[in-house]
Amino acid sequence: MFITSPQHFIRKPQKIISLVPSQTELLHYFGLDKEVIAITKFCVHPDEWFKNKIRVGGTKSINIDLIKKLQPDLIIANKEENEKEQIEELATEFNVWITDVNTLKDALAMIKDVGELTHKEKESETLITRIKDEFYQLQTSNQKLQTCYLIWQKPFMTVGGDTFINDMMKYCSLQNIFETRNRYPEITLDDLHIANPPAGRQGCQLVLLSSEPYPFKQKQIDELQQQLPGKKIVLVDGEMFSWYGSRLLKAPKYFKSLSESLGY
């Protein structure tokens, strides 16, 4: 069944499966090494879990038969990262908690909920306080670089204004030029030239190439630079912009370094 309250378990769940990479890392931060019995092939952090835990497929291609054999008492999924039909099927037999994270505020609420679900309230409260302190210390500029954040090529895909990445961009003085669009729209390079900025703003100044889900490299920078002369193109760590668990502790320092390298 779908769990509707984080106070669902009177006793701590003993067999947890995580279907979300950033939340897998969070469960490790909470010290749930014995309780987490399986993860996905994209749950690359921490390394010892990636090497030793059972893998139940990808985030969008879950091995349901294997999960049924494992008989978990809690499955943690995400509205965006997992396929609705597969999660609904799992919920007919198992306890499923679904998260929906689009902002830093959502992420902190998710951390609190997962802490309550797994009886790690003290650890979650401490983590939330630390993350808030780190983000509070970030200095953002009123003058924001007009930016396109690319997550895919062939076709090119960017991020809309209702995404977690869009919210993170604000913390390093970046204005998403596609914030009026939803989720992850396909675009063309022509869109970067003709995107109509609000009055008083410049057109696209910066293109960020994320390390995930498409693994952009220097090769793509070189290719795009020829097609987008005059625009700054930079590779960025996609985990810092899109992982909403305990990795948020590291994001502010990364954002500060990125902003300084861009001259902000």
Protein backbone atom coordinates (compact mmCIF):
# COMPACT_ATOMS: atom_id res chain seq x y z
CA MET A 1 0.00 0.00 0.00
CA PHE A 2 1.00 3.62 -0.36
CA ILE A 3 2.10 5.03 2.98
CA THR A 4 0.49 8.38 3.73
CA SER A 5 2.11 9.16 7.07
CA PRO A 6 5.80 9.05 8.04
CA GLN A 7 4.70 7.70 11.44
CA HIS A 8 3.49 4.51 9.73
CA PHE A 9 5.97 2.14 11.41
CA ILE A 10 5.66 1.58 15.16
CA ARG A 11 8.85 -0.43 14.88
CA LYS A 12 11.72 0.52 12.61
CA PRO A 13 11.50 -1.13 9.16
CA GLN A 14 14.07 -3.91 8.84
CA LYS A 15 14.10 -4.58 5.08
CA ILE A 16 14.25 -1.38 3.01
CA ILE A 17 14.64 -1.05 -0.75
CA SER A 18 15.58 2.34 -2.16
CA LEU A 19 14.71 3.14 -5.77
CA VAL A 20 16.19 6.66 -5.73
CA PRO A 21 19.96 7.36 -5.82
CA SER A 22 19.98 10.55 -3.75
CA GLN A 23 17.72 8.97 -1.13
CA THR A 24 19.90 5.85 -1.02
CA GLU A 25 22.79 8.12 -0.05
CA LEU A 26 20.55 9.67 2.61
CA LEU A 27 19.75 6.27 4.10
CA HIS A 28 23.47 5.56 4.32
CA TYR A 29 23.97 8.91 6.08
CA PHE A 30 21.37 7.75 8.61
CA GLY A 31 23.44 4.63 9.28
CA LEU A 32 20.92 2.13 7.90
CA ASP A 33 23.48 -0.29 6.52
CA LYS A 34 21.77 -3.46 7.74
CA GLU A 35 18.23 -2.29 7.06
CA VAL A 36 18.76 -1.33 3.39
CA ILE A 37 18.76 -4.64 1.51
CA ALA A 38 18.66 -3.45 -2.11
CA ILE A 39 19.18 -0.41 -4.34
CA THR A 40 19.18 0.47 -8.06
CA LYS A 41 22.09 0.30 -10.48
CA PHE A 42 22.18 4.10 -10.45
CA CYS A 43 22.65 4.31 -6.67
CA VAL A 44 26.40 4.90 -7.01
CA HIS A 45 26.87 6.50 -3.58
CA PRO A 46 28.15 5.25 -1.26
CA ASP A 47 30.62 3.12 -3.15
CA GLU A 48 30.51 0.21 -0.68
CA TRP A 49 26.74 -0.08 -1.09
CA PHE A 50 27.00 0.14 -4.87
CA LYS A 51 29.49 -2.74 -4.82
CA ASN A 52 27.81 -4.94 -2.23
CA LYS A 53 24.07 -4.32 -2.12
CA ILE A 54 21.60 -6.24 -4.28
CA ARG A 55 20.58 -4.18 -7.33
CA VAL A 56 16.97 -4.30 -8.47
CA GLY A 57 17.38 -2.76 -11.93
CA GLY A 58 17.30 0.89 -12.96
CA THR A 59 15.14 3.67 -11.59
CA LYS A 60 12.77 3.35 -14.55
CA SER A 61 13.23 -0.38 -15.20
CA ILE A 62 12.68 -2.02 -11.84
CA ASN A 63 13.01 -5.78 -11.49
CA ILE A 64 9.67 -6.39 -9.79
CA ASP A 65 10.11 -10.18 -9.58
CA LEU A 66 13.37 -9.75 -7.68
CA ILE A 67 11.77 -7.26 -5.30
CA LYS A 68 8.96 -9.74 -4.60
CA LYS A 69 11.53 -12.39 -3.71
CA LEU A 70 13.25 -9.97 -1.31
CA GLN A 71 9.96 -9.21 0.52
CA PRO A 72 10.82 -5.69 1.76
CA ASP A 73 8.77 -4.04 4.50
CA LEU A 74 9.47 -0.57 3.01
CA ILE A 75 10.14 0.69 -0.51
CA ILE A 76 11.19 4.30 -1.00
CA ALA A 77 10.38 5.70 -4.44
CA ASN A 78 10.07 9.10 -6.13
CA LYS A 79 7.30 10.56 -8.28
CA GLU A 80 9.70 11.79 -10.95
CA GLU A 81 12.46 9.21 -10.96
CA ASN A 82 10.36 6.04 -11.01
CA GLU A 83 7.67 4.77 -13.38
CA LYS A 84 4.13 5.19 -12.03
CA GLU A 85 2.85 1.82 -13.26
CA GLN A 86 5.72 -0.12 -11.66
CA ILE A 87 5.34 1.67 -8.33
CA GLU A 88 1.58 1.08 -8.33
CA GLU A 89 2.20 -2.64 -8.90
CA LEU A 90 4.65 -2.80 -6.00
CA ALA A 91 2.15 -0.97 -3.76
CA THR A 92 -0.33 -3.82 -4.16
CA GLU A 93 1.98 -6.02 -2.08
CA PHE A 94 4.39 -3.79 -0.17
CA ASN A 95 4.58 -0.57 1.85
CA VAL A 96 5.65 2.20 -0.56
CA TRP A 97 6.63 5.75 0.37
CA ILE A 98 6.72 8.19 -2.55
CA THR A 99 8.60 11.47 -2.39
CA ASP A 100 8.06 14.53 -4.60
CA VAL A 101 10.94 17.02 -4.46
CA ASN A 102 11.04 20.21 -6.56
CA THR A 103 12.63 22.76 -4.19
CA LEU A 104 15.08 22.95 -1.31
CA LYS A 105 12.09 23.30 1.02
CA ASP A 106 10.66 20.06 -0.38
CA ALA A 107 14.02 18.33 0.10
CA LEU A 108 14.21 19.30 3.77
CA ALA A 109 10.65 18.06 4.31
CA MET A 110 11.57 14.78 2.60
CA ILE A 111 14.60 14.34 4.87
CA LYS A 112 12.38 14.88 7.91
CA ASP A 113 9.81 12.37 6.64
CA VAL A 114 12.38 9.68 5.83
CA GLY A 115 13.94 10.24 9.24
CA GLU A 116 10.57 9.57 10.88
CA LEU A 117 9.86 6.55 8.65
CA THR A 118 13.14 4.90 9.58
CA HIS A 119 13.20 6.01 13.23
CA LYS A 120 16.16 8.31 12.62
CA GLU A 121 14.51 11.53 13.79
CA LYS A 122 17.53 12.89 15.64
CA GLU A 123 19.84 12.27 12.67
CA SER A 124 17.39 13.92 10.25
CA GLU A 125 16.94 16.98 12.47
CA THR A 126 20.70 17.43 12.74
CA LEU A 127 21.14 17.05 8.98
CA ILE A 128 18.40 19.58 8.23
CA THR A 129 20.00 22.12 10.56
CA ARG A 130 23.40 21.65 8.97
CA ILE A 131 22.02 21.99 5.43
CA LYS A 132 20.12 25.16 6.36
CA ASP A 133 23.27 26.64 7.89
CA GLU A 134 25.32 25.87 4.77
CA PHE A 135 22.77 27.43 2.40
CA TYR A 136 22.28 30.44 4.69
CA GLN A 137 25.95 31.30 4.31
CA LEU A 138 25.72 31.43 0.51
CA GLN A 139 25.98 34.95 -0.91
CA THR A 140 23.95 35.35 -4.11
CA SER A 141 24.20 38.25 -6.52
CA ASN A 142 21.24 40.40 -7.60
CA GLN A 143 22.83 40.35 -11.04
CA LYS A 144 22.15 36.89 -12.38
CA LEU A 145 23.68 35.20 -15.42
CA GLN A 146 21.08 34.22 -18.02
CA THR A 147 21.65 30.47 -18.16
CA CYS A 148 20.58 27.32 -19.99
CA TYR A 149 21.17 24.07 -18.11
CA LEU A 150 21.41 21.10 -20.49
CA ILE A 151 20.76 17.56 -19.25
CA TRP A 152 20.68 15.72 -22.60
CA GLN A 153 21.64 15.90 -26.23
CA LYS A 154 20.11 14.38 -29.39
CA PRO A 155 17.69 15.91 -28.67
CA PHE A 156 18.90 18.70 -26.43
CA MET A 157 16.89 18.83 -23.23
CA THR A 158 16.92 21.48 -20.54
CA VAL A 159 15.13 22.14 -17.22
CA GLY A 160 11.93 24.06 -16.64
CA GLY A 161 10.93 26.28 -13.75
CA ASP A 162 9.15 23.54 -11.79
CA THR A 163 12.26 21.39 -11.25
CA PHE A 164 14.67 20.93 -8.35
CA ILE A 165 17.57 21.89 -10.61
CA ASN A 166 15.91 25.22 -11.38
CA ASP A 167 15.65 25.93 -7.65
CA MET A 168 19.31 25.06 -7.11
CA MET A 169 20.39 27.39 -9.93
CA LYS A 170 19.12 30.33 -7.91
CA TYR A 171 21.68 29.61 -5.20
CA CYS A 172 24.59 30.28 -7.55
CA SER A 173 23.21 33.48 -9.11
CA LEU A 174 21.93 31.81 -12.26
CA GLN A 175 18.68 32.73 -13.99
CA ASN A 176 17.15 29.85 -15.93
CA ILE A 177 16.11 31.25 -19.33
CA PHE A 178 13.59 28.42 -19.71
CA GLU A 179 11.95 28.82 -16.30
CA THR A 180 8.56 29.50 -17.94
CA ARG A 181 8.53 25.95 -19.34
CA ASN A 182 7.67 22.79 -17.43
CA ARG A 183 9.78 19.81 -16.42
CA TYR A 184 12.39 18.84 -19.04
CA PRO A 185 11.55 20.34 -22.44
CA GLU A 186 13.33 19.56 -25.68
CA ILE A 187 15.03 22.58 -27.25
CA THR A 188 17.19 23.39 -30.25
CA LEU A 189 20.30 25.51 -30.35
CA ASP A 190 18.22 28.09 -32.18
CA ASP A 191 16.12 28.42 -29.03
CA LEU A 192 19.21 29.71 -27.22
CA HIS A 193 19.49 32.50 -29.75
CA ILE A 194 15.83 33.48 -29.93
CA ALA A 195 14.74 32.92 -26.32
CA ASN A 196 12.98 36.14 -25.38
CA PRO A 197 14.27 37.35 -22.02
CA PRO A 198 12.12 39.63 -19.84
CA ALA A 199 12.56 43.36 -20.39
CA GLY A 200 15.90 44.59 -19.15
CA ARG A 201 17.61 41.20 -19.28
CA GLN A 202 20.15 39.89 -21.73
CA GLY A 203 19.76 36.78 -23.82
CA CYS A 204 21.51 33.52 -22.93
CA GLN A 205 25.00 34.20 -21.55
CA LEU A 206 25.93 30.81 -20.09
CA VAL A 207 25.31 27.18 -21.02
CA LEU A 208 25.84 24.54 -18.33
CA LEU A 209 26.44 20.95 -19.41
CA SER A 210 25.51 18.53 -16.65
CA SER A 211 27.48 15.38 -15.86
CA GLU A 212 24.17 13.51 -15.59
CA PRO A 213 21.92 12.03 -16.82
CA TYR A 214 23.81 12.58 -20.09
CA PRO A 215 27.56 12.44 -19.37
CA PHE A 216 28.65 15.63 -21.12
CA LYS A 217 32.42 15.94 -21.59
CA GLN A 218 34.95 18.42 -23.00
CA LYS A 219 34.16 17.05 -26.47
CA GLN A 220 30.64 18.49 -26.27
CA ILE A 221 31.97 21.84 -25.06
CA ASP A 222 34.25 22.04 -28.08
CA GLU A 223 31.41 21.13 -30.46
CA LEU A 224 28.91 23.54 -28.93
CA GLN A 225 31.40 26.39 -28.70
CA GLN A 226 31.63 26.41 -32.50
CA GLN A 227 27.84 26.60 -32.79
CA LEU A 228 27.38 29.09 -29.95
CA PRO A 229 30.15 31.66 -30.35
CA GLY A 230 30.23 34.27 -27.64
CA LYS A 231 28.49 32.14 -25.04
CA LYS A 232 30.32 30.68 -22.08
CA ILE A 233 29.96 26.88 -21.84
CA VAL A 234 30.86 25.06 -18.64
CA LEU A 235 30.72 21.46 -17.40
CA VAL A 236 29.04 21.08 -13.99
CA ASP A 237 28.55 18.31 -11.46
CA GLY A 238 24.94 17.22 -11.99
CA GLU A 239 24.77 15.54 -8.59
CA MET A 240 25.21 18.90 -6.88
CA PHE A 241 22.24 20.32 -8.76
CA SER A 242 19.88 17.35 -8.69
CA TRP A 243 20.59 15.13 -5.65
CA TYR A 244 18.29 16.20 -2.80
CA GLY A 245 19.44 14.07 0.11
CA SER A 246 22.52 14.35 2.30
CA ARG A 247 24.55 15.56 -0.73
CA LEU A 248 22.93 18.94 -0.08
CA LEU A 249 25.59 19.38 2.62
CA LYS A 250 28.21 19.63 -0.14
CA ALA A 251 26.21 21.67 -2.66
CA PRO A 252 26.65 25.19 -1.16
CA LYS A 253 30.45 24.94 -1.20
CA TYR A 254 30.29 23.75 -4.80
CA PHE A 255 27.89 26.55 -5.77
CA LYS A 256 30.17 29.12 -4.14
CA SER A 257 33.17 27.83 -6.07
CA LEU A 258 31.19 27.81 -9.33
CA SER A 259 29.95 31.36 -8.79
CA GLU A 260 33.49 32.57 -8.10
CA SER A 261 34.82 30.86 -11.24
CA LEU A 262 32.11 32.66 -13.24
CA GLY A 263 33.05 35.99 -11.71
CA TYR A 264 30.11 36.37 -9.35
